[in-house]
Amino acid sequence: MIAVKTTILVTLFFSCISAAVGFYAGSEINPATVRVYSLSTPAPAPKETLRIGIVDLKRLFEAHPRTVTVRTEFEAKYAAAMAELKRLTDRGDRQAANDYRNSRNAEFREESQRLQKEIFRELETRALNTASGRNLDLLLDSSVNNVKFVFRESDVIDLTDEMAKEFK
C-alpha cells in the first residue's frame, strides 16, 4: 500500500518536473511519461483515517547492540592510537606525529560514518517493515531536529519501544 502511494507520488513528481524542464527548454514532452487525470478518471476512495506512526531512530541507534560493540572497539582503537601518538611526540618527531594524527582522524571519521550509515539503514528497514506490519500510512522519525509534529496523541502510534524490545 505504501509502495503504491509512493510510486504514484514519485511518478507525479517526475512528470511535473519533466513537463517544467520540457517547457523551459523548449523541447517536447514525451506523452508516454505523463499520466493524464481527468474528472472522468475514478479517484481512489479516500481513507476515513490516516494511520500515523513515529519512531525515534536516534534512540534506537543508541540502544542497538551493534552500536555498543562498535563503541567499545573504537575506544580500544583510540587508546592504541593515542599511545602511538604519545610515543611519536615523546620521540620529538612533530611531523610524523601530525601526519599520524591526521591520518588516524580521517580513518576514524570514515569508518564511523560508514558504520553509522549501515546501522541506520538497518533501523530504517526494520522501522518500515514494522510500520507496514501495523498497516501505517505514514511513518515519521521523531528524532529529526527542527521538525515539529503536531498530532493528537491518540492519533499517533509510537513504534520505538516495540522495536527497542527486539534488542534485548
Protein backbone atom coordinates (compact mmCIF):
# COMPACT_ATOMS: atom_id res chain seq x y z
CA MET A 1 0.00 0.00 0.00
CA ILE A 2 2.77 2.42 0.97
CA ALA A 3 4.77 1.40 -2.09
CA VAL A 4 1.80 2.14 -4.37
CA LYS A 5 1.27 5.58 -2.83
CA THR A 6 4.98 6.32 -3.07
CA THR A 7 5.07 5.19 -6.71
CA ILE A 8 2.13 7.43 -7.59
CA LEU A 9 3.67 10.43 -5.85
CA VAL A 10 7.10 9.85 -7.40
CA THR A 11 5.58 9.40 -10.87
CA LEU A 12 3.53 12.56 -10.47
CA PHE A 13 6.54 14.49 -9.16
CA PHE A 14 8.81 13.44 -12.03
CA SER A 15 6.04 14.08 -14.55
CA CYS A 16 5.73 17.64 -13.25
CA ILE A 17 9.49 18.11 -13.28
CA SER A 18 9.86 16.74 -16.82
CA ALA A 19 6.98 18.91 -18.01
CA ALA A 20 8.58 22.00 -16.46
CA VAL A 21 12.01 21.17 -17.87
CA GLY A 22 10.49 20.45 -21.29
CA PHE A 23 8.58 23.73 -21.20
CA TYR A 24 11.59 25.81 -20.21
CA ALA A 25 13.95 24.02 -22.56
CA GLY A 26 11.55 24.43 -25.47
CA SER A 27 11.51 20.69 -26.15
CA GLU A 28 8.51 18.46 -26.47
CA ILE A 29 7.14 16.37 -23.64
CA ASN A 30 7.04 12.63 -24.11
CA PRO A 31 3.32 11.76 -23.74
CA ALA A 32 4.16 8.24 -22.62
CA THR A 33 5.73 9.56 -19.41
CA VAL A 34 2.93 11.95 -18.46
CA ARG A 35 -0.16 10.47 -16.86
CA VAL A 36 -3.37 12.33 -17.50
CA TYR A 37 -6.05 12.50 -14.85
CA SER A 38 -9.43 13.97 -15.54
CA LEU A 39 -12.78 14.24 -13.84
CA SER A 40 -13.89 11.09 -15.61
CA THR A 41 -10.98 9.13 -14.11
CA PRO A 42 -12.25 7.42 -10.97
CA ALA A 43 -10.38 8.64 -7.93
CA PRO A 44 -9.45 6.19 -5.23
CA ALA A 45 -11.81 6.24 -2.29
CA PRO A 46 -10.42 8.46 0.47
CA LYS A 47 -9.48 6.75 3.68
CA GLU A 48 -11.53 7.60 6.68
CA THR A 49 -8.45 7.99 8.86
CA LEU A 50 -4.76 8.29 8.22
CA ARG A 51 -2.73 5.92 10.38
CA ILE A 52 0.44 7.68 11.50
CA GLY A 53 3.39 6.23 13.36
CA ILE A 54 6.51 7.73 14.83
CA VAL A 55 9.84 6.19 15.66
CA ASP A 56 12.86 7.69 17.40
CA LEU A 57 15.69 6.36 15.25
CA LYS A 58 18.32 8.13 17.33
CA ARG A 59 17.14 6.36 20.49
CA LEU A 60 17.03 3.03 18.64
CA PHE A 61 20.56 3.68 17.34
CA GLU A 62 21.80 4.22 20.90
CA ALA A 63 20.06 1.01 22.06
CA HIS A 64 21.24 -1.10 19.12
CA PRO A 65 23.63 -3.88 20.27
CA ARG A 66 25.96 -3.22 17.35
CA THR A 67 26.34 0.44 18.41
CA VAL A 68 27.60 -0.67 21.84
CA THR A 69 30.03 -3.15 20.26
CA VAL A 70 31.36 -0.61 17.77
CA ARG A 71 31.85 2.00 20.51
CA THR A 72 33.90 -0.47 22.57
CA GLU A 73 36.04 -1.32 19.54
CA PHE A 74 36.53 2.36 18.72
CA GLU A 75 37.58 3.14 22.29
CA ALA A 76 40.23 0.40 22.12
CA LYS A 77 41.47 1.64 18.72
CA TYR A 78 41.51 5.22 20.01
CA ALA A 79 43.54 4.27 23.08
CA ALA A 80 46.08 2.45 20.87
CA ALA A 81 46.25 5.44 18.51
CA MET A 82 46.79 7.84 21.42
CA ALA A 83 49.60 5.64 22.76
CA GLU A 84 51.30 5.67 19.35
CA LEU A 85 50.80 9.44 19.06
CA LYS A 86 52.34 9.91 22.53
CA ARG A 87 55.29 7.74 21.50
CA LEU A 88 55.86 9.85 18.37
CA THR A 89 55.51 13.08 20.35
CA ASP A 90 57.90 11.90 23.08
CA ARG A 91 60.42 11.00 20.41
CA GLY A 92 60.24 14.61 19.21
CA ASP A 93 59.08 13.84 15.67
CA ARG A 94 56.41 16.54 15.27
CA GLN A 95 55.88 15.96 11.56
CA ALA A 96 55.34 12.23 11.99
CA ALA A 97 53.02 12.91 14.96
CA ASN A 98 50.93 15.40 12.95
CA ASP A 99 50.77 13.08 9.94
CA TYR A 100 49.77 10.16 12.15
CA ARG A 101 47.11 12.23 13.95
CA ASN A 102 45.62 13.48 10.66
CA SER A 103 45.57 10.07 9.01
CA ARG A 104 44.07 8.32 12.05
CA ASN A 105 41.42 11.06 12.45
CA ALA A 106 40.40 10.63 8.80
CA GLU A 107 40.29 6.83 9.19
CA PHE A 108 38.19 7.04 12.36
CA ARG A 109 35.81 9.55 10.78
CA GLU A 110 35.31 7.47 7.60
CA GLU A 111 34.82 4.20 9.49
CA SER A 112 32.45 5.83 11.96
CA GLN A 113 30.32 7.32 9.19
CA ARG A 114 30.24 4.02 7.30
CA LEU A 115 29.15 2.05 10.38
CA GLN A 116 26.55 4.65 11.36
CA LYS A 117 25.05 4.52 7.87
CA GLU A 118 24.92 0.71 7.99
CA ILE A 119 23.16 0.70 11.37
CA PHE A 120 20.72 3.47 10.40
CA ARG A 121 19.87 1.69 7.12
CA GLU A 122 19.11 -1.46 9.10
CA LEU A 123 16.96 0.50 11.56
CA GLU A 124 15.10 2.30 8.77
CA THR A 125 14.36 -1.00 7.05
CA ARG A 126 13.15 -2.56 10.30
CA ALA A 127 11.05 0.53 11.07
CA LEU A 128 9.40 0.44 7.64
CA ASN A 129 8.72 -3.29 7.97
CA THR A 130 7.21 -2.77 11.42
CA ALA A 131 5.10 0.13 10.14
CA SER A 132 3.95 -1.94 7.19
CA GLY A 133 3.04 -4.80 9.52
CA ARG A 134 0.95 -2.39 11.60
CA ASN A 135 -0.74 -1.01 8.42
CA LEU A 136 0.52 2.52 8.98
CA ASP A 137 0.15 5.05 6.16
CA LEU A 138 2.91 7.38 7.31
CA LEU A 139 5.98 6.87 9.50
CA LEU A 140 7.90 9.86 10.88
CA ASP A 141 11.28 9.98 12.60
CA SER A 142 10.73 11.92 15.81
CA SER A 143 14.48 12.40 16.38
CA VAL A 144 14.90 14.75 13.41
CA ASN A 145 15.98 18.20 14.58
CA ASN A 146 13.96 21.32 13.81
CA VAL A 147 10.90 19.38 12.67
CA LYS A 148 7.85 19.65 14.84
CA PHE A 149 4.91 17.29 14.56
CA VAL A 150 1.56 18.36 15.89
CA PHE A 151 -0.87 15.47 16.26
CA ARG A 152 -3.33 14.38 18.84
CA GLU A 153 -1.53 11.80 20.91
CA SER A 154 -4.25 9.22 20.31
CA ASP A 155 -3.78 9.50 16.53
CA VAL A 156 -0.10 8.51 16.54
CA ILE A 157 1.42 5.09 17.14
CA ASP A 158 4.94 5.15 18.60
CA LEU A 159 6.94 2.14 17.40
CA THR A 160 10.15 2.99 19.28
CA ASP A 161 9.53 0.89 22.40
CA GLU A 162 8.22 -2.03 20.36
CA MET A 163 11.36 -2.04 18.22
CA ALA A 164 13.74 -1.46 21.16
CA LYS A 165 12.41 -4.60 22.86
CA GLU A 166 13.82 -6.61 19.95
CA PHE A 167 17.36 -5.63 21.01
CA LYS A 168 17.03 -7.11 24.50
